[in-house]
């Protein structure tokens, strides 16, 4: 403002640039989608906007959300993991069958199940980082291996009569008038840990660097093989934790549970704004993406919409999110 200008005569703020800044805020898209969905579904059903229903939504997405944490780490390195749902299902069967049918102490069964899923992650990481195979092909192969082992080891039988330690995360505590499961809290804690590692540590910066430009990362002194191996192994461990949450939520070891959650985890990551080209995104966005899927499915269920149409709408959302990511990528390259 010059000496001759007054507040009344000063140039108006550029509204276009303000709107652009708002639209470019991190996670603006997912947050806007959640707000719009909440408004629509709360208008259609008086049961939607209640504490108990929101608690139910979080419970319904807790294992997919946990899977999506590992998926986010891998996609940030410009990879993808098609095997995570099947690996989670195998961990689910391994933990429950060891504890129930083989008499292994529950805590040891959990440790062995986590070690198994981490081993799958290690194999994926070794094939991607050392053998230089495409992540899509590697994880498609290990998906088949994990799927087959799950059904072979379980004998196609559901395992019931689980010890209480395996179902601990399904227990609840009151928060006001709403019951919250410990599994929901565990998922949020895992998201907080992943956010801290990615944003506040050198390991997290290395993950972004490898996904953005692996050759430049290598030339700057980053051991890209070690980063990829570590990311896939940690992701496998996270899938084991998702298996434990799945066991708690369902109360049984089901060989068919979670087999297609790999697609839901990718959906959550993409809707949360993480680029499939790597190097850009956040686990907070992934959490919002998982909640978008949960809110839409819950809202449509309350409206009486058939499950097949829920899948249709989710698929359309994924295509739209990828299209937006592609558009933003091209715009940045101009």
Protein backbone atom coordinates (compact mmCIF):
# COMPACT_ATOMS: atom_id res chain seq x y z
CA UNK A 1 0.00 0.00 0.00
CA UNK A 2 1.41 3.41 -1.03
CA UNK A 3 1.21 6.60 1.01
CA UNK A 4 -1.76 7.80 -1.06
CA UNK A 5 -3.72 4.55 -0.70
CA UNK A 6 -6.22 3.93 2.05
CA UNK A 7 -7.68 0.58 3.09
CA UNK A 8 -10.74 1.49 1.01
CA UNK A 9 -8.71 2.20 -2.17
CA UNK A 10 -6.07 -0.55 -1.82
CA UNK A 11 -6.13 -3.21 -4.59
CA UNK A 12 -8.43 -6.13 -3.72
CA UNK A 13 -6.85 -9.47 -2.89
CA UNK A 14 -6.44 -11.76 -5.84
CA UNK A 15 -9.28 -14.19 -5.19
CA UNK A 16 -8.08 -16.57 -7.88
CA UNK A 17 -4.66 -17.01 -6.26
CA UNK A 18 -6.33 -17.49 -2.86
CA UNK A 19 -8.53 -20.26 -4.25
CA UNK A 20 -5.49 -21.86 -5.89
CA UNK A 21 -3.62 -21.84 -2.58
CA UNK A 22 -6.58 -23.42 -0.79
CA UNK A 23 -6.94 -26.11 -3.46
CA UNK A 24 -3.22 -26.89 -3.27
CA UNK A 25 -3.28 -27.44 0.50
CA UNK A 26 -2.15 -30.93 1.53
CA UNK A 27 -5.06 -33.38 1.76
CA UNK A 28 -7.60 -30.73 0.70
CA UNK A 29 -9.23 -33.16 -1.77
CA UNK A 30 -9.72 -36.07 0.67
CA UNK A 31 -10.98 -33.75 3.42
CA UNK A 32 -13.44 -32.10 1.02
CA UNK A 33 -14.65 -35.55 -0.11
CA UNK A 34 -15.26 -36.61 3.50
CA UNK A 35 -17.15 -33.41 4.30
CA UNK A 36 -19.36 -33.76 1.21
CA UNK A 37 -20.03 -37.45 1.94
CA UNK A 38 -20.92 -36.71 5.57
CA UNK A 39 -23.34 -33.97 4.54
CA UNK A 40 -25.06 -36.17 1.96
CA UNK A 41 -25.38 -39.29 4.12
CA UNK A 42 -26.42 -37.41 7.27
CA UNK A 43 -29.23 -35.85 5.23
CA UNK A 44 -30.32 -39.29 3.97
CA UNK A 45 -30.13 -41.17 7.29
CA UNK A 46 -30.53 -39.95 10.87
CA UNK A 47 -28.43 -42.90 12.05
CA UNK A 48 -25.34 -41.81 10.12
CA UNK A 49 -24.27 -38.81 12.18
CA UNK A 50 -23.88 -40.64 15.50
CA UNK A 51 -20.84 -41.52 17.59
CA UNK A 52 -21.64 -45.21 17.49
CA UNK A 53 -21.82 -45.23 13.69
CA UNK A 54 -18.52 -43.38 13.31
CA UNK A 55 -16.91 -45.84 15.72
CA UNK A 56 -18.28 -48.64 13.55
CA UNK A 57 -16.81 -47.05 10.41
CA UNK A 58 -13.35 -46.95 11.97
CA UNK A 59 -13.69 -50.57 13.11
CA UNK A 60 -14.67 -51.62 9.60
CA UNK A 61 -11.60 -49.99 8.04
CA UNK A 62 -9.01 -50.73 10.70
CA UNK A 63 -7.35 -53.72 9.02
CA UNK A 64 -7.58 -52.18 5.54
CA UNK A 65 -6.22 -48.91 6.93
CA UNK A 66 -3.33 -50.78 8.55
CA UNK A 67 -2.63 -52.64 5.31
CA UNK A 68 -2.68 -49.28 3.54
CA UNK A 69 0.15 -47.98 5.76
CA UNK A 70 2.48 -50.64 4.34
CA UNK A 71 1.08 -50.06 0.87
CA UNK A 72 1.81 -46.34 1.21
CA UNK A 73 5.45 -46.97 2.08
CA UNK A 74 5.85 -49.15 -1.00
CA UNK A 75 4.00 -46.84 -3.39
CA UNK A 76 6.13 -43.91 -2.16
CA UNK A 77 9.12 -45.83 -3.57
CA UNK A 78 7.25 -46.09 -6.93
CA UNK A 79 6.35 -49.74 -6.26
CA UNK A 80 3.10 -51.54 -5.57
CA UNK A 81 2.11 -54.58 -3.50
CA UNK A 82 -0.62 -56.84 -4.82
CA UNK A 83 0.11 -59.51 -2.22
CA UNK A 84 -0.68 -57.70 1.02
CA UNK A 85 -4.28 -58.96 1.40
CA UNK A 86 -3.23 -62.56 0.85
CA UNK A 87 -0.22 -62.18 3.17
CA UNK A 88 -2.53 -60.77 5.86
CA UNK A 89 -4.87 -63.74 5.38
CA UNK A 90 -1.94 -66.14 5.73
CA UNK A 91 -0.82 -64.37 8.91
CA UNK A 92 -4.39 -64.58 10.19
CA UNK A 93 -4.49 -68.36 9.65
CA UNK A 94 -0.95 -68.94 10.95
CA UNK A 95 -1.60 -67.09 14.23
CA UNK A 96 -4.95 -68.73 14.94
CA UNK A 97 -4.03 -72.27 13.87
CA UNK A 98 -0.78 -72.23 15.86
CA UNK A 99 -2.60 -71.04 18.97
CA UNK A 100 -5.67 -73.28 18.69
CA UNK A 101 -4.69 -76.43 16.86
CA UNK A 102 -0.97 -76.69 17.66
CA UNK A 103 -1.05 -75.58 21.29
CA UNK A 104 1.47 -72.76 20.80
CA UNK A 105 1.22 -70.04 23.49
CA UNK A 106 -0.80 -67.13 22.06
CA UNK A 107 2.01 -64.58 22.40
CA UNK A 108 4.47 -66.87 20.62
CA UNK A 109 1.86 -67.59 17.92
CA UNK A 110 1.53 -63.84 17.33
CA UNK A 111 5.33 -63.43 17.10
CA UNK A 112 5.62 -66.33 14.65
CA UNK A 113 2.76 -64.95 12.55
CA UNK A 114 4.41 -61.53 12.38
CA UNK A 115 7.73 -63.17 11.46
CA UNK A 116 6.00 -65.04 8.63
CA UNK A 117 4.43 -61.94 7.11
CA UNK A 118 7.69 -60.00 7.51
CA UNK A 119 9.47 -62.85 5.67
CA UNK A 120 7.10 -62.42 2.74
CA UNK A 121 7.95 -58.72 2.74
CA UNK A 122 11.65 -59.57 2.83
CA UNK A 123 11.28 -61.87 -0.19
CA UNK A 124 9.37 -59.18 -2.09
CA UNK A 125 12.02 -56.60 -1.23
CA UNK A 126 14.91 -58.88 -2.21
CA UNK A 127 13.38 -59.70 -5.59
CA UNK A 128 12.64 -56.03 -6.29
CA UNK A 129 15.89 -54.49 -5.01
CA UNK A 130 18.47 -57.18 -5.81
CA UNK A 131 17.05 -59.21 -8.69
CA UNK A 132 15.52 -56.02 -10.17
CA UNK A 133 12.16 -57.59 -10.96
CA UNK A 134 9.13 -55.30 -11.39
CA UNK A 135 7.15 -54.91 -8.12
CA UNK A 136 3.90 -55.65 -9.94
CA UNK A 137 5.14 -59.06 -11.15
CA UNK A 138 6.88 -59.95 -7.88
CA UNK A 139 3.91 -59.22 -5.67
CA UNK A 140 1.49 -60.83 -8.11
CA UNK A 141 3.56 -64.00 -7.73
CA UNK A 142 3.77 -63.85 -3.95
CA UNK A 143 0.02 -63.14 -3.86
CA UNK A 144 -0.51 -66.54 -5.47
CA UNK A 145 1.94 -68.22 -3.10
CA UNK A 146 0.36 -66.69 0.03
CA UNK A 147 -3.16 -67.44 -1.23
CA UNK A 148 -2.33 -71.09 -1.86
CA UNK A 149 -0.49 -71.55 1.45
CA UNK A 150 -3.42 -70.05 3.34
CA UNK A 151 -5.87 -72.58 1.94
CA UNK A 152 -3.43 -75.51 2.18
CA UNK A 153 -2.47 -74.82 5.80
CA UNK A 154 -6.04 -74.09 6.93
CA UNK A 155 -7.52 -77.09 5.11
CA UNK A 156 -10.31 -74.72 4.06
CA UNK A 157 -11.50 -74.74 7.68
CA UNK A 158 -12.44 -71.74 9.81
CA UNK A 159 -10.65 -71.74 13.16
CA UNK A 160 -12.74 -70.80 16.20
CA UNK A 161 -12.39 -70.96 19.97
CA UNK A 162 -9.58 -68.41 20.01
CA UNK A 163 -7.76 -67.48 23.25
CA UNK A 164 -8.64 -64.07 24.65
CA UNK A 165 -5.22 -62.62 23.85
CA UNK A 166 -5.93 -62.94 20.12
CA UNK A 167 -9.20 -61.02 20.40
CA UNK A 168 -7.94 -58.31 22.74
CA UNK A 169 -8.15 -55.57 20.11
CA UNK A 170 -11.89 -56.12 19.75
CA UNK A 171 -12.45 -55.05 23.36
CA UNK A 172 -13.87 -51.59 23.91
CA UNK A 173 -13.60 -48.67 26.29
CA UNK A 174 -16.10 -45.82 26.67
CA UNK A 175 -15.41 -42.38 25.23
CA UNK A 176 -18.38 -40.30 26.28
CA UNK A 177 -21.40 -42.29 25.17
CA UNK A 178 -19.48 -44.14 22.45
CA UNK A 179 -17.61 -47.43 22.75
CA UNK A 180 -14.19 -47.40 21.05
CA UNK A 181 -12.27 -50.57 20.25
CA UNK A 182 -8.61 -50.94 21.13
CA UNK A 183 -8.07 -52.03 17.52
CA UNK A 184 -9.18 -48.62 16.28
CA UNK A 185 -6.71 -46.96 18.63
CA UNK A 186 -3.95 -49.35 17.53
CA UNK A 187 -4.53 -48.41 13.88
CA UNK A 188 -4.33 -44.69 14.67
CA UNK A 189 -1.13 -45.23 16.68
CA UNK A 190 0.43 -47.04 13.71
CA UNK A 191 -0.52 -44.14 11.44
CA UNK A 192 1.08 -41.70 13.91
CA UNK A 193 4.30 -43.73 14.02
CA UNK A 194 4.43 -43.97 10.21
CA UNK A 195 3.83 -40.22 9.89
CA UNK A 196 6.67 -39.48 12.32
CA UNK A 197 9.10 -41.80 10.54
CA UNK A 198 8.30 -40.40 7.10
CA UNK A 199 8.32 -36.73 8.07
CA UNK A 200 10.81 -36.47 10.91
CA UNK A 201 13.57 -39.01 10.21
CA UNK A 202 16.29 -39.48 7.63
CA UNK A 203 14.89 -42.93 6.81
CA UNK A 204 11.61 -41.30 5.77
CA UNK A 205 13.41 -38.74 3.61
CA UNK A 206 15.32 -41.56 1.93
CA UNK A 207 12.04 -43.29 1.05
CA UNK A 208 10.76 -40.14 -0.66
CA UNK A 209 14.09 -39.64 -2.42
CA UNK A 210 14.14 -43.20 -3.81
CA UNK A 211 10.59 -42.86 -5.06
CA UNK A 212 11.21 -39.47 -6.63
CA UNK A 213 14.44 -40.34 -8.46
CA UNK A 214 16.27 -43.56 -7.53
CA UNK A 215 19.36 -42.78 -9.58
CA UNK A 216 19.76 -39.33 -8.05
CA UNK A 217 19.21 -40.85 -4.61
CA UNK A 218 21.94 -43.44 -5.29
CA UNK A 219 24.38 -40.78 -6.48
CA UNK A 220 23.72 -38.74 -3.34
CA UNK A 221 24.90 -41.64 -1.18
CA UNK A 222 21.60 -43.34 -0.33
CA UNK A 223 21.74 -47.13 -0.36
CA UNK A 224 18.65 -47.62 -2.51
CA UNK A 225 18.74 -51.41 -2.21
CA UNK A 226 18.74 -51.22 1.56
CA UNK A 227 15.88 -48.71 1.52
CA UNK A 228 13.72 -50.91 -0.73
CA UNK A 229 14.55 -54.05 1.24
CA UNK A 230 13.68 -52.30 4.49
CA UNK A 231 10.44 -50.82 3.15
CA UNK A 232 9.09 -54.13 1.87
CA UNK A 233 10.10 -55.98 5.04
CA UNK A 234 8.51 -53.41 7.33
CA UNK A 235 5.41 -53.44 5.14
CA UNK A 236 5.23 -57.22 5.60
CA UNK A 237 5.43 -56.76 9.36
CA UNK A 238 2.60 -54.22 9.19
CA UNK A 239 0.50 -56.76 7.26
CA UNK A 240 0.98 -59.13 10.20
CA UNK A 241 -0.36 -56.48 12.55
CA UNK A 242 -3.32 -56.03 10.21
CA UNK A 243 -3.87 -59.80 10.44
CA UNK A 244 -4.01 -59.52 14.22
CA UNK A 245 -6.62 -56.76 13.96
CA UNK A 246 -8.59 -58.90 11.50
CA UNK A 247 -8.54 -61.84 13.92
CA UNK A 248 -9.79 -59.59 16.71
CA UNK A 249 -12.58 -58.08 14.62
CA UNK A 250 -13.91 -61.36 13.19
CA UNK A 251 -13.20 -63.56 16.24
CA UNK A 252 -12.11 -66.47 14.03
CA UNK A 253 -9.32 -67.53 11.71
CA UNK A 254 -11.00 -67.41 8.31
CA UNK A 255 -8.96 -68.42 5.22
CA UNK A 256 -11.26 -66.34 3.01
CA UNK A 257 -11.14 -63.14 5.07
CA UNK A 258 -9.23 -60.21 3.65
CA UNK A 259 -8.15 -61.89 0.41
CA UNK A 260 -9.25 -58.91 -1.70
CA UNK A 261 -8.19 -56.21 0.75
CA UNK A 262 -5.14 -55.55 -1.43
CA UNK A 263 -7.40 -53.62 -3.79
CA UNK A 264 -9.03 -51.71 -0.94
CA UNK A 265 -5.60 -50.74 0.42
CA UNK A 266 -4.54 -49.40 -2.98
CA UNK A 267 -7.84 -47.53 -3.18
CA UNK A 268 -7.21 -45.87 0.20
CA UNK A 269 -3.69 -44.83 -0.83
CA UNK A 270 -4.80 -43.39 -4.16
CA UNK A 271 -7.81 -41.57 -2.73
CA UNK A 272 -5.49 -40.12 -0.08
CA UNK A 273 -3.44 -38.39 -2.74
CA UNK A 274 -0.28 -40.52 -2.82
CA UNK A 275 1.12 -40.60 -6.34
CA UNK A 276 1.41 -44.01 -8.00
CA UNK A 277 4.59 -42.66 -9.60
CA UNK A 278 6.28 -42.44 -6.18
CA UNK A 279 7.94 -39.69 -4.19
CA UNK A 280 4.79 -37.78 -3.23
CA UNK A 281 2.08 -38.44 -0.66
CA UNK A 282 1.51 -39.01 3.04
CA UNK A 283 0.07 -41.58 5.42
CA UNK A 284 -2.33 -38.95 6.77
CA UNK A 285 -3.80 -38.78 3.27
CA UNK A 286 -4.00 -42.59 3.30
CA UNK A 287 -5.94 -42.51 6.58
CA UNK A 288 -8.36 -40.04 5.03
CA UNK A 289 -8.62 -42.25 1.94
CA UNK A 290 -9.47 -45.28 4.07
CA UNK A 291 -12.12 -43.25 5.89
CA UNK A 292 -13.58 -42.11 2.57
CA UNK A 293 -14.07 -45.72 1.51
CA UNK A 294 -15.52 -46.63 4.92
CA UNK A 295 -17.86 -43.63 5.03
CA UNK A 296 -19.18 -44.20 1.51
CA UNK A 297 -19.82 -47.91 2.06
CA UNK A 298 -21.42 -47.30 5.45
CA UNK A 299 -23.59 -44.49 4.13
CA UNK A 300 -24.73 -46.51 1.13
CA UNK A 301 -25.55 -49.46 3.41
CA UNK A 302 -27.71 -47.22 5.58
CA UNK A 303 -29.46 -46.04 2.41
CA UNK A 304 -30.11 -49.65 1.40
CA UNK A 305 -27.87 -49.58 -1.67
CA UNK A 306 -26.73 -53.04 -2.83
CA UNK A 307 -23.10 -54.04 -2.29
CA UNK A 308 -22.37 -54.28 -6.02
CA UNK A 309 -23.18 -50.59 -6.48
CA UNK A 310 -20.91 -49.73 -3.57
CA UNK A 311 -18.08 -51.45 -5.46
CA UNK A 312 -19.04 -49.58 -8.63
CA UNK A 313 -18.90 -46.19 -6.92
CA UNK A 314 -15.59 -47.02 -5.24
CA UNK A 315 -14.12 -47.98 -8.62
CA UNK A 316 -15.23 -44.69 -10.16
CA UNK A 317 -13.63 -42.79 -7.27
CA UNK A 318 -10.32 -44.60 -7.83
CA UNK A 319 -10.29 -43.76 -11.54
CA UNK A 320 -11.09 -40.12 -10.75
CA UNK A 321 -8.32 -39.93 -8.14
CA UNK A 322 -5.72 -41.39 -10.53
CA UNK A 323 -6.86 -39.00 -13.27
CA UNK A 324 -6.41 -36.03 -10.91
CA UNK A 325 -2.94 -37.29 -9.94
CA UNK A 326 -1.97 -37.64 -13.60
CA UNK A 327 -3.27 -34.14 -14.37
CA UNK A 328 -1.32 -32.61 -11.48
CA UNK A 329 1.84 -34.47 -12.53
CA UNK A 330 1.62 -33.16 -16.10
CA UNK A 331 0.94 -29.63 -14.89
CA UNK A 332 4.03 -29.71 -12.67
CA UNK A 333 6.19 -30.91 -15.56
CA UNK A 334 5.27 -27.97 -17.77
